[in-house]
């Protein structure tokens, strides 16, 4: 069996000289590789790593890149576990994405149906299929397809491959074509549909909430209500909100005096979130237990 072959063709007046800005093309090409890799991982774990190679293919009035997808086995002895060769695994992944002719039940197909609408509920039908509802409107698909829609890397890859090029002036359509049947596109997407493939904002997930007792060195103090102090714990510096009302009251009454590098022994709350841009942390000083001056003192007493 041959590897899965398909062409991604961007068309429009901006491309009449068969040129496409490399800053637009490179993310699109990389996105196709990410799509195949992420779908392959979801289907087969670490048994296969699907790669995508590129061959130049140029036609009048457009700019095309022929993609040849193939599988590289990471564990050669494990290929037969799936009762098919590695090419079948690639064809399966490409069909789920919507890059080869198979059925309308693909990631591209359901994204075009969703049109950025929120799913209201789902129902399992049978044999791993699920019915997706938006109010009374529904769409039947495989459960794995619905799961893949929750993968941020996959959604971002669709954005880079389809949405961003179409947002460019002078690029009017993107087509996915079987090289053996160029007159019958597998998928044809117009500029008006570009927004359907923009990745949604990923929500924040809280992954840690703990309270601990630590010693902190004051890097800078803020005496205006609501401002955060900057501390160092010896390995990193960070800003923290002071929530100890008794400590704040002593400051306001001039009962506390500070110098840079003073040490506070505190009870501190640490909260951490996982976001689309990485981890985010928030620090709060719940209680100031002890305040130690940074000034060195000579011990005058004999022990």
Protein backbone atom coordinates (compact mmCIF):
# COMPACT_ATOMS: atom_id res chain seq x y z
CA UNK A 1 0.00 0.00 0.00
CA UNK A 2 1.16 3.53 -0.80
CA UNK A 3 1.40 6.22 1.87
CA UNK A 4 -1.53 8.60 2.26
CA UNK A 5 -1.11 11.34 -0.34
CA UNK A 6 -2.97 14.61 -0.51
CA UNK A 7 -2.47 18.15 -1.74
CA UNK A 8 -3.22 21.31 0.19
CA UNK A 9 -3.93 24.06 -2.31
CA UNK A 10 -4.26 27.74 -1.37
CA UNK A 11 -5.92 29.81 -4.09
CA UNK A 12 -6.61 33.48 -4.75
CA UNK A 13 -5.35 36.58 -6.58
CA UNK A 14 -2.44 36.99 -4.14
CA UNK A 15 -1.03 33.68 -5.43
CA UNK A 16 -1.36 34.21 -9.19
CA UNK A 17 2.43 34.18 -9.55
CA UNK A 18 2.70 30.89 -7.64
CA UNK A 19 4.25 32.64 -4.64
CA UNK A 20 3.30 32.44 -1.00
CA UNK A 21 4.99 34.33 1.83
CA UNK A 22 7.20 31.92 3.73
CA UNK A 23 5.87 33.39 7.00
CA UNK A 24 2.40 32.19 5.96
CA UNK A 25 3.50 28.90 4.45
CA UNK A 26 5.83 27.60 7.17
CA UNK A 27 3.23 27.56 10.00
CA UNK A 28 0.73 25.89 7.66
CA UNK A 29 3.17 23.12 6.74
CA UNK A 30 4.20 22.58 10.36
CA UNK A 31 0.54 22.47 11.36
CA UNK A 32 -0.14 19.52 9.07
CA UNK A 33 2.70 17.63 10.73
CA UNK A 34 1.28 18.44 14.18
CA UNK A 35 -2.18 17.27 13.11
CA UNK A 36 -0.95 13.89 11.92
CA UNK A 37 1.33 13.41 14.92
CA UNK A 38 -1.32 14.28 17.52
CA UNK A 39 -4.01 12.15 15.88
CA UNK A 40 -1.54 9.27 15.54
CA UNK A 41 -0.66 9.55 19.23
CA UNK A 42 -4.34 9.49 20.21
CA UNK A 43 -5.03 6.42 18.08
CA UNK A 44 -1.88 4.38 18.64
CA UNK A 45 0.04 5.87 21.56
CA UNK A 46 3.79 5.53 21.13
CA UNK A 47 3.54 2.60 18.72
CA UNK A 48 3.70 4.87 15.67
CA UNK A 49 5.03 8.33 15.00
CA UNK A 50 3.43 9.75 11.89
CA UNK A 51 5.60 12.09 9.86
CA UNK A 52 4.78 14.28 6.89
CA UNK A 53 7.13 14.94 3.99
CA UNK A 54 6.68 17.63 1.35
CA UNK A 55 6.92 17.63 -2.44
CA UNK A 56 6.55 20.82 -4.46
CA UNK A 57 3.52 20.85 -6.76
CA UNK A 58 2.59 23.97 -8.71
CA UNK A 59 -0.49 24.67 -10.81
CA UNK A 60 -1.68 27.69 -12.74
CA UNK A 61 -3.39 30.31 -10.62
CA UNK A 62 -2.65 28.82 -7.23
CA UNK A 63 0.06 27.58 -4.93
CA UNK A 64 0.00 23.94 -3.94
CA UNK A 65 2.06 21.73 -1.70
CA UNK A 66 1.70 18.00 -2.04
CA UNK A 67 1.88 16.28 1.33
CA UNK A 68 2.99 12.67 1.60
CA UNK A 69 2.18 11.21 5.00
CA UNK A 70 4.02 8.13 6.19
CA UNK A 71 4.49 6.27 9.46
CA UNK A 72 7.77 5.64 11.22
CA UNK A 73 7.51 2.77 13.65
CA UNK A 74 9.13 3.41 17.02
CA UNK A 75 8.61 -0.18 18.14
CA UNK A 76 9.01 -2.41 15.10
CA UNK A 77 7.74 -5.56 16.79
CA UNK A 78 4.53 -3.83 17.86
CA UNK A 79 3.20 -3.06 14.39
CA UNK A 80 1.22 -6.30 14.03
CA UNK A 81 -0.59 -5.76 17.34
CA UNK A 82 -3.07 -3.56 15.50
CA UNK A 83 -3.75 -6.19 12.82
CA UNK A 84 -2.72 -3.86 10.05
CA UNK A 85 0.44 -2.42 8.61
CA UNK A 86 1.73 1.02 9.44
CA UNK A 87 0.29 2.43 6.20
CA UNK A 88 -3.20 1.50 7.35
CA UNK A 89 -2.56 3.41 10.57
CA UNK A 90 -1.61 6.46 8.55
CA UNK A 91 -4.69 6.15 6.33
CA UNK A 92 -6.88 5.90 9.42
CA UNK A 93 -5.36 9.03 10.96
CA UNK A 94 -5.57 10.97 7.70
CA UNK A 95 -9.23 9.96 7.28
CA UNK A 96 -10.12 11.16 10.79
CA UNK A 97 -8.48 14.51 10.12
CA UNK A 98 -10.25 14.75 6.75
CA UNK A 99 -7.17 14.76 4.52
CA UNK A 100 -8.12 11.76 2.40
CA UNK A 101 -11.43 10.70 0.89
CA UNK A 102 -13.23 8.41 3.28
CA UNK A 103 -16.42 9.90 4.72
CA UNK A 104 -17.79 13.20 5.98
CA UNK A 105 -17.17 11.96 9.52
CA UNK A 106 -13.91 13.84 10.10
CA UNK A 107 -12.48 16.60 12.28
CA UNK A 108 -12.80 19.07 9.42
CA UNK A 109 -16.39 17.93 8.88
CA UNK A 110 -17.51 18.43 12.47
CA UNK A 111 -15.71 21.79 12.77
CA UNK A 112 -17.60 23.02 9.69
CA UNK A 113 -20.84 21.82 11.27
CA UNK A 114 -20.11 23.37 14.67
CA UNK A 115 -19.48 26.84 13.19
CA UNK A 116 -18.01 27.94 16.56
CA UNK A 117 -21.23 27.00 18.37
CA UNK A 118 -21.12 25.43 21.82
CA UNK A 119 -22.18 21.80 22.20
CA UNK A 120 -25.21 21.50 24.50
CA UNK A 121 -25.07 17.74 25.14
CA UNK A 122 -24.07 14.37 23.65
CA UNK A 123 -25.59 10.90 23.50
CA UNK A 124 -23.78 7.61 22.91
CA UNK A 125 -25.41 5.77 19.99
CA UNK A 126 -23.59 2.46 19.51
CA UNK A 127 -20.25 0.94 18.53
CA UNK A 128 -18.25 3.90 19.79
CA UNK A 129 -20.34 6.50 17.97
CA UNK A 130 -21.81 9.56 19.62
CA UNK A 131 -24.53 12.04 18.68
CA UNK A 132 -23.51 15.65 19.29
CA UNK A 133 -26.30 18.16 19.92
CA UNK A 134 -26.52 21.92 19.62
CA UNK A 135 -30.06 22.41 20.89
CA UNK A 136 -32.13 20.32 18.44
CA UNK A 137 -29.48 20.21 15.72
CA UNK A 138 -27.25 17.13 15.85
CA UNK A 139 -24.24 15.49 14.20
CA UNK A 140 -23.15 11.85 14.48
CA UNK A 141 -19.46 11.07 14.80
CA UNK A 142 -16.96 8.71 16.39
CA UNK A 143 -16.19 9.18 20.08
CA UNK A 144 -12.47 9.47 19.25
CA UNK A 145 -13.26 12.35 16.87
CA UNK A 146 -15.06 14.22 19.62
CA UNK A 147 -12.17 13.57 22.00
CA UNK A 148 -9.67 14.89 19.47
CA UNK A 149 -11.62 18.15 19.25
CA UNK A 150 -10.63 18.79 22.89
CA UNK A 151 -6.92 18.60 22.01
CA UNK A 152 -5.64 22.19 21.93
CA UNK A 153 -2.64 21.32 19.72
CA UNK A 154 -4.97 19.86 17.10
CA UNK A 155 -7.27 22.89 17.16
CA UNK A 156 -4.29 25.26 16.95
CA UNK A 157 -2.92 23.25 14.01
CA UNK A 158 -6.21 23.66 12.13
CA UNK A 159 -6.03 27.40 12.81
CA UNK A 160 -2.50 27.63 11.36
CA UNK A 161 -3.28 25.38 8.40
CA UNK A 162 -6.69 26.73 7.38
CA UNK A 163 -7.80 29.87 9.22
CA UNK A 164 -4.68 32.04 9.20
CA UNK A 165 -3.94 31.71 5.46
CA UNK A 166 -7.58 32.51 4.64
CA UNK A 167 -7.47 35.62 6.82
CA UNK A 168 -4.71 36.96 4.53
CA UNK A 169 -5.79 39.41 1.85
CA UNK A 170 -5.84 37.81 -1.57
CA UNK A 171 -6.17 34.18 -0.39
CA UNK A 172 -9.74 33.12 -1.07
CA UNK A 173 -9.85 29.35 -0.56
CA UNK A 174 -8.07 26.25 0.66
CA UNK A 175 -8.64 22.85 -0.94
CA UNK A 176 -7.49 19.38 0.04
CA UNK A 177 -7.12 17.23 -3.05
CA UNK A 178 -6.38 13.61 -3.88
CA UNK A 179 -3.59 13.83 -6.51
CA UNK A 180 -5.26 11.05 -8.49
CA UNK A 181 -8.55 12.99 -8.68
CA UNK A 182 -7.57 16.67 -8.75
CA UNK A 183 -10.91 17.69 -10.27
CA UNK A 184 -12.86 16.49 -7.20
CA UNK A 185 -11.56 18.18 -4.01
CA UNK A 186 -11.93 16.19 -0.81
CA UNK A 187 -12.48 19.45 1.07
CA UNK A 188 -12.99 22.96 -0.28
CA UNK A 189 -13.03 25.78 2.27
CA UNK A 190 -13.78 29.40 1.39
CA UNK A 191 -12.64 32.56 3.17
CA UNK A 192 -16.07 32.98 4.84
CA UNK A 193 -15.47 29.72 6.73
CA UNK A 194 -12.06 30.69 8.10
CA UNK A 195 -13.42 31.55 11.55
CA UNK A 196 -14.75 28.01 12.02
CA UNK A 197 -11.17 26.76 12.37
CA UNK A 198 -9.86 29.27 14.91
CA UNK A 199 -8.77 27.51 18.10
CA UNK A 200 -10.92 28.47 21.11
CA UNK A 201 -9.33 29.98 24.18
CA UNK A 202 -8.28 27.26 26.59
CA UNK A 203 -9.61 27.57 30.12
CA UNK A 204 -7.41 27.71 33.18
CA UNK A 205 -7.10 24.54 35.26
CA UNK A 206 -6.12 24.88 38.91
CA UNK A 207 -3.50 22.24 39.66
CA UNK A 208 -2.29 23.23 43.13
CA UNK A 209 -3.62 25.00 46.23
CA UNK A 210 -1.52 24.65 49.35
CA UNK A 211 -0.64 26.58 52.49
CA UNK A 212 2.85 26.28 53.93
CA UNK A 213 5.14 28.01 56.43
CA UNK A 214 8.23 29.59 54.85
CA UNK A 215 10.87 32.23 55.48
CA UNK A 216 10.82 35.07 52.97
CA UNK A 217 13.27 37.89 52.40
CA UNK A 218 11.75 41.27 51.62
CA UNK A 219 12.91 42.63 48.28
CA UNK A 220 10.50 45.56 48.20
CA UNK A 221 7.56 46.57 50.38
CA UNK A 222 4.38 48.29 49.18
CA UNK A 223 2.52 50.40 51.71
CA UNK A 224 -0.40 51.34 49.46
CA UNK A 225 -3.56 49.26 49.94
CA UNK A 226 -3.83 46.53 47.32
CA UNK A 227 -0.19 46.61 46.24
CA UNK A 228 1.85 43.44 46.43
CA UNK A 229 5.19 43.00 48.13
CA UNK A 230 8.11 41.39 46.35
CA UNK A 231 9.84 38.56 48.17
CA UNK A 232 12.61 36.07 47.64
CA UNK A 233 12.63 32.55 49.05
CA UNK A 234 16.31 32.08 48.22
CA UNK A 235 15.72 30.47 44.84
CA UNK A 236 13.25 32.82 43.13
CA UNK A 237 11.60 36.18 43.59
CA UNK A 238 7.85 36.77 43.31
CA UNK A 239 5.07 39.15 44.30
CA UNK A 240 2.65 38.25 47.09
CA UNK A 241 -0.42 39.94 48.53
CA UNK A 242 -0.40 40.55 52.31
CA UNK A 243 -3.69 39.35 53.82
CA UNK A 244 -2.70 39.47 57.52
CA UNK A 245 -4.85 42.37 58.77
CA UNK A 246 -3.10 42.53 62.14
CA UNK A 247 0.27 42.88 60.46
CA UNK A 248 -1.08 45.57 58.12
CA UNK A 249 -2.58 47.43 61.08
CA UNK A 250 0.78 47.42 62.89
CA UNK A 251 2.36 48.91 59.80
CA UNK A 252 -0.25 51.66 59.62
CA UNK A 253 0.33 52.43 63.32
CA UNK A 254 4.10 52.60 62.75
CA UNK A 255 4.60 49.63 65.05
CA UNK A 256 6.62 47.79 62.38
CA UNK A 257 9.82 49.12 60.82
CA UNK A 258 11.40 47.49 57.78
CA UNK A 259 14.66 47.44 55.94
CA UNK A 260 15.55 45.75 52.70
CA UNK A 261 16.41 42.05 53.14
CA UNK A 262 14.49 41.71 56.41
CA UNK A 263 13.15 38.20 56.92
CA UNK A 264 9.51 37.35 57.51
CA UNK A 265 8.45 33.93 58.69
CA UNK A 266 4.98 33.55 57.21
CA UNK A 267 2.13 31.21 56.53
CA UNK A 268 1.77 31.46 52.75
CA UNK A 269 -0.89 30.19 50.35
CA UNK A 270 0.36 29.08 46.91
CA UNK A 271 -2.08 28.55 44.04
CA UNK A 272 -1.05 27.34 40.58
CA UNK A 273 -2.98 27.14 37.31
CA UNK A 274 -2.27 25.48 33.97
CA UNK A 275 -3.09 27.81 31.07
CA UNK A 276 -2.62 27.83 27.32
CA UNK A 277 0.53 29.90 27.81
CA UNK A 278 1.96 27.68 30.54
CA UNK A 279 1.78 27.73 34.33
CA UNK A 280 0.59 30.69 36.37
CA UNK A 281 1.09 31.07 40.13
CA UNK A 282 -0.39 33.33 42.81
CA UNK A 283 1.10 33.87 46.28
CA UNK A 284 -0.69 35.23 49.37
CA UNK A 285 0.73 35.83 52.85
CA UNK A 286 -2.02 34.63 55.20
CA UNK A 287 -0.18 35.32 58.47
CA UNK A 288 3.11 36.93 59.45
CA UNK A 289 4.50 34.76 62.24
CA UNK A 290 7.83 36.47 62.87
CA UNK A 291 9.79 39.49 61.63
CA UNK A 292 13.58 39.33 61.75
CA UNK A 293 15.75 42.34 61.02
CA UNK A 294 18.49 42.00 58.44
CA UNK A 295 20.85 44.09 60.59
CA UNK A 296 23.64 41.96 62.00
CA UNK A 297 24.02 42.12 65.77
CA UNK A 298 27.02 41.25 67.92
CA UNK A 299 26.37 38.79 70.70
CA UNK A 300 27.65 40.48 73.84
CA UNK A 301 26.91 37.60 76.14
CA UNK A 302 29.19 34.74 76.93
CA UNK A 303 27.82 31.22 76.64
